[in-house]
């Protein structure tokens, strides 16, 4: 009985850690994008402003064990990674980056409506 309880505690710990790591990965990727934008010259103000707003708004996202939250967080992170990759394009494709940012904003808005169970 004690072994079973110990295994369950460990399983729950790993699940909670994974949930927390998803939100943390979004924060880390956003920080990396902000850092890259600061290093670049001639970046449109709109790009950096919208990324900074996204980063600020991430504080309203708390870890959730909901499947819908997982899907939205995954989509959000994929869009951030697409932005990160596009920052290395020469010339910079501002329209595509803005499209990715708009998707992030949409996913954020949807994700903010999902609370932890």
N, C-alpha and C. Protein backbone atom coordinates (compact mmCIF):
# COMPACT_ATOMS: atom_id res chain seq x y z
N UNK A 1 0.83 -1.19 0.00
CA UNK A 1 0.00 0.00 0.00
C UNK A 1 0.87 1.26 0.00
N UNK A 2 1.92 1.25 0.82
CA UNK A 2 2.81 2.41 0.90
C UNK A 2 3.53 2.62 -0.43
N UNK A 3 3.92 1.54 -1.09
CA UNK A 3 4.60 1.64 -2.38
C UNK A 3 3.68 2.25 -3.43
N UNK A 4 2.42 1.83 -3.43
CA UNK A 4 1.44 2.34 -4.38
C UNK A 4 1.21 3.84 -4.17
N UNK A 5 1.11 4.25 -2.92
CA UNK A 5 0.92 5.66 -2.61
C UNK A 5 2.13 6.48 -3.05
N UNK A 6 3.31 5.94 -2.83
CA UNK A 6 4.53 6.63 -3.21
C UNK A 6 4.61 6.80 -4.73
N UNK A 7 4.22 5.77 -5.46
CA UNK A 7 4.23 5.84 -6.92
C UNK A 7 3.23 6.88 -7.42
N UNK A 8 2.06 6.94 -6.79
CA UNK A 8 1.03 7.90 -7.19
C UNK A 8 1.51 9.33 -6.93
N UNK A 9 2.16 9.56 -5.80
CA UNK A 9 2.69 10.89 -5.48
C UNK A 9 3.72 11.29 -6.53
N UNK A 10 4.58 10.38 -6.91
CA UNK A 10 5.61 10.65 -7.91
C UNK A 10 4.96 10.95 -9.26
N UNK A 11 3.94 10.20 -9.62
CA UNK A 11 3.23 10.40 -10.89
C UNK A 11 2.57 11.78 -10.93
N UNK A 12 1.93 12.16 -9.86
CA UNK A 12 1.28 13.48 -9.79
C UNK A 12 2.32 14.59 -9.86
N UNK A 13 3.43 14.39 -9.19
CA UNK A 13 4.52 15.38 -9.22
C UNK A 13 5.01 15.59 -10.65
N UNK A 14 5.23 14.51 -11.39
CA UNK A 14 5.71 14.61 -12.76
C UNK A 14 4.69 15.31 -13.67
N UNK A 15 3.42 15.00 -13.47
CA UNK A 15 2.36 15.65 -14.26
C UNK A 15 2.34 17.15 -13.99
N UNK A 16 2.40 17.54 -12.73
CA UNK A 16 2.38 18.96 -12.36
C UNK A 16 3.63 19.68 -12.89
N UNK A 17 4.75 19.00 -12.85
CA UNK A 17 5.99 19.60 -13.35
C UNK A 17 5.87 19.84 -14.86
N UNK A 18 5.30 18.88 -15.58
CA UNK A 18 5.11 19.02 -17.02
C UNK A 18 4.17 20.19 -17.33
N UNK A 19 3.11 20.32 -16.58
CA UNK A 19 2.15 21.42 -16.77
C UNK A 19 2.84 22.76 -16.55
N UNK A 20 3.62 22.86 -15.52
CA UNK A 20 4.33 24.10 -15.21
C UNK A 20 5.39 24.40 -16.27
N UNK A 21 6.06 23.37 -16.77
CA UNK A 21 7.11 23.56 -17.78
C UNK A 21 6.57 24.10 -19.09
N UNK A 22 5.34 23.73 -19.44
CA UNK A 22 4.76 24.24 -20.69
C UNK A 22 4.65 25.76 -20.64
N UNK A 23 4.14 26.30 -19.57
CA UNK A 23 4.02 27.75 -19.42
C UNK A 23 5.40 28.38 -19.35
N UNK A 24 6.32 27.73 -18.68
CA UNK A 24 7.69 28.25 -18.56
C UNK A 24 8.38 28.29 -19.93
N UNK A 25 8.15 27.30 -20.76
CA UNK A 25 8.74 27.29 -22.11
C UNK A 25 8.23 28.45 -22.95
N UNK A 26 6.97 28.80 -22.79
CA UNK A 26 6.43 29.96 -23.50
C UNK A 26 7.14 31.23 -23.03
N UNK A 27 7.34 31.36 -21.72
CA UNK A 27 8.05 32.53 -21.19
C UNK A 27 9.49 32.59 -21.69
N UNK A 28 10.17 31.47 -21.69
CA UNK A 28 11.57 31.44 -22.13
C UNK A 28 11.68 31.82 -23.60
N UNK A 29 10.81 31.27 -24.43
CA UNK A 29 10.86 31.57 -25.86
C UNK A 29 10.55 33.05 -26.11
N UNK A 30 9.60 33.59 -25.39
CA UNK A 30 9.27 35.01 -25.53
C UNK A 30 10.46 35.87 -25.12
N UNK A 31 11.13 35.50 -24.04
CA UNK A 31 12.33 36.23 -23.61
C UNK A 31 13.41 36.19 -24.69
N UNK A 32 13.59 35.04 -25.32
CA UNK A 32 14.59 34.91 -26.37
C UNK A 32 14.25 35.80 -27.57
N UNK A 33 12.97 35.88 -27.91
CA UNK A 33 12.55 36.75 -29.01
C UNK A 33 12.81 38.21 -28.65
N UNK A 34 12.45 38.59 -27.43
CA UNK A 34 12.71 39.97 -26.99
C UNK A 34 14.19 40.30 -27.08
N UNK A 35 15.02 39.39 -26.64
CA UNK A 35 16.46 39.59 -26.67
C UNK A 35 16.97 39.75 -28.10
N UNK A 36 16.48 38.91 -29.00
CA UNK A 36 16.89 38.98 -30.40
C UNK A 36 16.45 40.32 -31.02
N UNK A 37 15.25 40.75 -30.71
CA UNK A 37 14.75 42.02 -31.24
C UNK A 37 15.60 43.20 -30.76
N UNK A 38 16.06 43.14 -29.52
CA UNK A 38 16.90 44.22 -28.98
C UNK A 38 18.24 44.29 -29.70
N UNK A 39 18.72 43.16 -30.18
CA UNK A 39 20.01 43.12 -30.87
C UNK A 39 19.91 43.59 -32.32
N UNK A 40 18.73 43.52 -32.87
CA UNK A 40 18.55 43.85 -34.28
C UNK A 40 18.35 45.35 -34.47
N UNK A 41 18.73 45.81 -35.65
CA UNK A 41 18.56 47.22 -35.99
C UNK A 41 17.41 47.36 -36.96
N UNK A 42 16.81 48.53 -36.97
CA UNK A 42 15.74 48.86 -37.91
C UNK A 42 14.54 47.92 -37.81
N UNK A 43 14.21 47.55 -36.59
CA UNK A 43 13.03 46.72 -36.35
C UNK A 43 11.83 47.64 -36.22
N UNK A 44 10.74 47.35 -36.91
CA UNK A 44 9.54 48.18 -36.75
C UNK A 44 9.09 48.18 -35.29
N UNK A 45 8.72 49.34 -34.83
CA UNK A 45 8.31 49.50 -33.43
C UNK A 45 7.12 48.60 -33.10
N UNK A 46 6.24 48.41 -34.07
CA UNK A 46 5.07 47.57 -33.84
C UNK A 46 5.45 46.16 -33.41
N UNK A 47 6.47 45.59 -34.03
CA UNK A 47 6.90 44.23 -33.69
C UNK A 47 7.34 44.13 -32.24
N UNK A 48 8.25 44.99 -31.86
CA UNK A 48 8.77 44.92 -30.49
C UNK A 48 7.68 45.27 -29.47
N UNK A 49 6.82 46.22 -29.80
CA UNK A 49 5.74 46.59 -28.88
C UNK A 49 4.78 45.43 -28.67
N UNK A 50 4.41 44.76 -29.74
CA UNK A 50 3.46 43.66 -29.61
C UNK A 50 4.07 42.46 -28.89
N UNK A 51 5.34 42.20 -29.14
CA UNK A 51 6.02 41.11 -28.41
C UNK A 51 6.12 41.45 -26.93
N UNK A 52 6.46 42.69 -26.62
CA UNK A 52 6.53 43.11 -25.22
C UNK A 52 5.18 43.00 -24.54
N UNK A 53 4.12 43.34 -25.24
CA UNK A 53 2.77 43.22 -24.69
C UNK A 53 2.42 41.75 -24.45
N UNK A 54 2.78 40.89 -25.40
CA UNK A 54 2.56 39.45 -25.21
C UNK A 54 3.27 38.96 -23.95
N UNK A 55 4.52 39.36 -23.81
CA UNK A 55 5.31 38.94 -22.65
C UNK A 55 4.67 39.41 -21.35
N UNK A 56 4.24 40.66 -21.33
CA UNK A 56 3.59 41.19 -20.13
C UNK A 56 2.33 40.41 -19.80
N UNK A 57 1.56 40.09 -20.82
CA UNK A 57 0.29 39.40 -20.60
C UNK A 57 0.44 37.96 -20.16
N UNK A 58 1.61 37.38 -20.38
CA UNK A 58 1.81 35.99 -19.98
C UNK A 58 1.67 35.78 -18.47
N UNK A 59 1.80 36.84 -17.72
CA UNK A 59 1.65 36.69 -16.26
C UNK A 59 0.23 36.29 -15.87
N UNK A 60 -0.72 36.46 -16.80
CA UNK A 60 -2.11 36.11 -16.52
C UNK A 60 -2.42 34.64 -16.84
N UNK A 61 -1.42 33.92 -17.32
CA UNK A 61 -1.60 32.51 -17.64
C UNK A 61 -1.03 31.68 -16.50
N UNK A 62 -1.89 30.87 -15.91
CA UNK A 62 -1.42 29.97 -14.85
C UNK A 62 -1.46 28.54 -15.39
N UNK A 63 -0.61 27.69 -14.88
CA UNK A 63 -0.60 26.30 -15.34
C UNK A 63 -1.98 25.65 -15.19
N UNK A 64 -2.36 24.87 -16.19
CA UNK A 64 -3.65 24.20 -16.17
C UNK A 64 -3.49 22.78 -16.67
N UNK A 65 -4.23 21.87 -16.07
CA UNK A 65 -4.18 20.47 -16.49
C UNK A 65 -5.31 20.12 -17.46
N UNK A 66 -5.86 21.11 -18.10
CA UNK A 66 -6.95 20.95 -19.05
C UNK A 66 -6.38 20.65 -20.45
N UNK A 67 -6.98 19.71 -21.16
CA UNK A 67 -6.51 19.35 -22.51
C UNK A 67 -6.60 20.51 -23.49
N UNK A 68 -7.65 21.32 -23.37
CA UNK A 68 -7.78 22.50 -24.24
C UNK A 68 -6.64 23.47 -23.99
N UNK A 69 -6.26 23.64 -22.73
CA UNK A 69 -5.15 24.52 -22.38
C UNK A 69 -3.86 23.99 -22.99
N UNK A 70 -3.67 22.69 -22.92
CA UNK A 70 -2.47 22.07 -23.49
C UNK A 70 -2.38 22.35 -25.00
N UNK A 71 -3.49 22.18 -25.70
CA UNK A 71 -3.51 22.41 -27.15
C UNK A 71 -3.20 23.87 -27.48
N UNK A 72 -3.81 24.78 -26.75
CA UNK A 72 -3.58 26.21 -27.01
C UNK A 72 -2.15 26.61 -26.68
N UNK A 73 -1.61 26.08 -25.59
CA UNK A 73 -0.22 26.38 -25.23
C UNK A 73 0.74 25.85 -26.29
N UNK A 74 0.44 24.68 -26.83
CA UNK A 74 1.28 24.11 -27.88
C UNK A 74 1.22 24.97 -29.14
N UNK A 75 0.03 25.39 -29.53
CA UNK A 75 -0.12 26.26 -30.69
C UNK A 75 0.59 27.60 -30.46
N UNK A 76 0.43 28.14 -29.27
CA UNK A 76 1.08 29.40 -28.91
C UNK A 76 2.59 29.27 -29.03
N UNK A 77 3.14 28.21 -28.47
CA UNK A 77 4.58 27.99 -28.52
C UNK A 77 5.07 27.78 -29.96
N UNK A 78 4.30 27.08 -30.77
CA UNK A 78 4.67 26.89 -32.18
C UNK A 78 4.72 28.21 -32.93
N UNK A 79 3.78 29.09 -32.65
CA UNK A 79 3.79 30.42 -33.29
C UNK A 79 5.00 31.22 -32.83
N UNK A 80 5.32 31.14 -31.54
CA UNK A 80 6.50 31.84 -31.04
C UNK A 80 7.77 31.33 -31.71
N UNK A 81 7.86 30.03 -31.88
CA UNK A 81 9.04 29.45 -32.54
C UNK A 81 9.11 29.87 -34.01
N UNK A 82 7.96 30.01 -34.65
CA UNK A 82 7.94 30.50 -36.03
C UNK A 82 8.45 31.94 -36.09
N UNK A 83 8.04 32.76 -35.12
CA UNK A 83 8.54 34.14 -35.05
C UNK A 83 10.05 34.12 -34.87
N UNK A 84 10.49 33.29 -33.95
CA UNK A 84 11.92 33.19 -33.65
C UNK A 84 12.72 32.83 -34.92
N UNK A 85 12.21 31.90 -35.70
CA UNK A 85 12.89 31.50 -36.93
C UNK A 85 12.86 32.62 -37.98
N UNK A 86 11.73 33.33 -38.07
CA UNK A 86 11.60 34.40 -39.05
C UNK A 86 12.51 35.59 -38.76
N UNK A 87 12.95 35.72 -37.53
CA UNK A 87 13.83 36.83 -37.19
C UNK A 87 15.21 36.68 -37.84
N UNK A 88 15.50 35.50 -38.38
CA UNK A 88 16.77 35.28 -39.06
C UNK A 88 16.64 35.44 -40.58
N UNK A 89 15.42 35.69 -41.05
CA UNK A 89 15.23 35.89 -42.49
C UNK A 89 15.80 37.24 -42.91
N UNK A 90 16.38 37.23 -44.10
CA UNK A 90 16.87 38.49 -44.67
C UNK A 90 16.29 38.57 -46.07
N UNK A 91 15.52 39.56 -46.40
CA UNK A 91 15.02 40.62 -45.54
C UNK A 91 13.93 40.09 -44.61
N UNK A 92 13.71 40.81 -43.56
CA UNK A 92 12.72 40.43 -42.55
C UNK A 92 11.32 40.48 -43.17
N UNK A 93 10.56 39.42 -43.00
CA UNK A 93 9.20 39.36 -43.52
C UNK A 93 8.24 39.83 -42.43
N UNK A 94 8.07 41.14 -42.33
CA UNK A 94 7.25 41.74 -41.28
C UNK A 94 5.81 41.25 -41.32
N UNK A 95 5.26 41.07 -42.51
CA UNK A 95 3.87 40.64 -42.62
C UNK A 95 3.66 39.26 -42.01
N UNK A 96 4.58 38.34 -42.28
CA UNK A 96 4.47 36.99 -41.71
C UNK A 96 4.64 37.02 -40.19
N UNK A 97 5.59 37.83 -39.72
CA UNK A 97 5.81 37.93 -38.27
C UNK A 97 4.58 38.50 -37.59
N UNK A 98 3.99 39.52 -38.18
CA UNK A 98 2.77 40.11 -37.61
C UNK A 98 1.63 39.09 -37.61
N UNK A 99 1.55 38.29 -38.65
CA UNK A 99 0.54 37.23 -38.70
C UNK A 99 0.76 36.23 -37.55
N UNK A 100 2.02 35.85 -37.30
CA UNK A 100 2.32 34.95 -36.18
C UNK A 100 1.96 35.60 -34.85
N UNK A 101 2.26 36.88 -34.72
CA UNK A 101 1.94 37.59 -33.47
C UNK A 101 0.44 37.64 -33.27
N UNK A 102 -0.31 37.89 -34.34
CA UNK A 102 -1.77 37.91 -34.24
C UNK A 102 -2.30 36.55 -33.79
N UNK A 103 -1.71 35.47 -34.31
CA UNK A 103 -2.11 34.13 -33.88
C UNK A 103 -1.81 33.94 -32.39
N UNK A 104 -0.64 34.40 -31.96
CA UNK A 104 -0.28 34.30 -30.54
C UNK A 104 -1.29 35.05 -29.69
N UNK A 105 -1.65 36.24 -30.12
CA UNK A 105 -2.61 37.05 -29.37
C UNK A 105 -3.96 36.35 -29.29
N UNK A 106 -4.37 35.72 -30.38
CA UNK A 106 -5.63 34.98 -30.39
C UNK A 106 -5.56 33.77 -29.46
N UNK A 107 -4.46 33.01 -29.53
CA UNK A 107 -4.31 31.84 -28.66
C UNK A 107 -4.23 32.27 -27.20
N UNK A 108 -3.56 33.38 -26.93
CA UNK A 108 -3.48 33.89 -25.57
C UNK A 108 -4.87 34.21 -25.04
N UNK A 109 -5.66 34.91 -25.84
CA UNK A 109 -7.00 35.31 -25.42
C UNK A 109 -7.84 34.07 -25.10
N UNK A 110 -7.76 33.05 -25.96
CA UNK A 110 -8.50 31.81 -25.72
C UNK A 110 -7.98 31.09 -24.49
N UNK A 111 -6.66 31.05 -24.35
CA UNK A 111 -6.05 30.32 -23.22
C UNK A 111 -6.35 30.98 -21.89
N UNK A 112 -6.44 32.30 -21.90
CA UNK A 112 -6.71 33.03 -20.67
C UNK A 112 -8.08 32.66 -20.09
N UNK A 113 -8.97 32.17 -20.92
CA UNK A 113 -10.32 31.80 -20.48
C UNK A 113 -10.37 30.42 -19.82
N UNK A 114 -9.24 29.68 -19.88
CA UNK A 114 -9.21 28.34 -19.31
C UNK A 114 -8.49 28.40 -17.97
N UNK A 115 -9.16 27.92 -16.94
CA UNK A 115 -8.59 27.94 -15.61
C UNK A 115 -8.16 26.54 -15.20
N UNK A 116 -7.32 26.47 -14.19
CA UNK A 116 -6.84 25.18 -13.71
C UNK A 116 -7.97 24.40 -13.06
N UNK A 117 -7.96 23.09 -13.26
CA UNK A 117 -8.97 22.21 -12.66
C UNK A 117 -8.58 21.85 -11.25
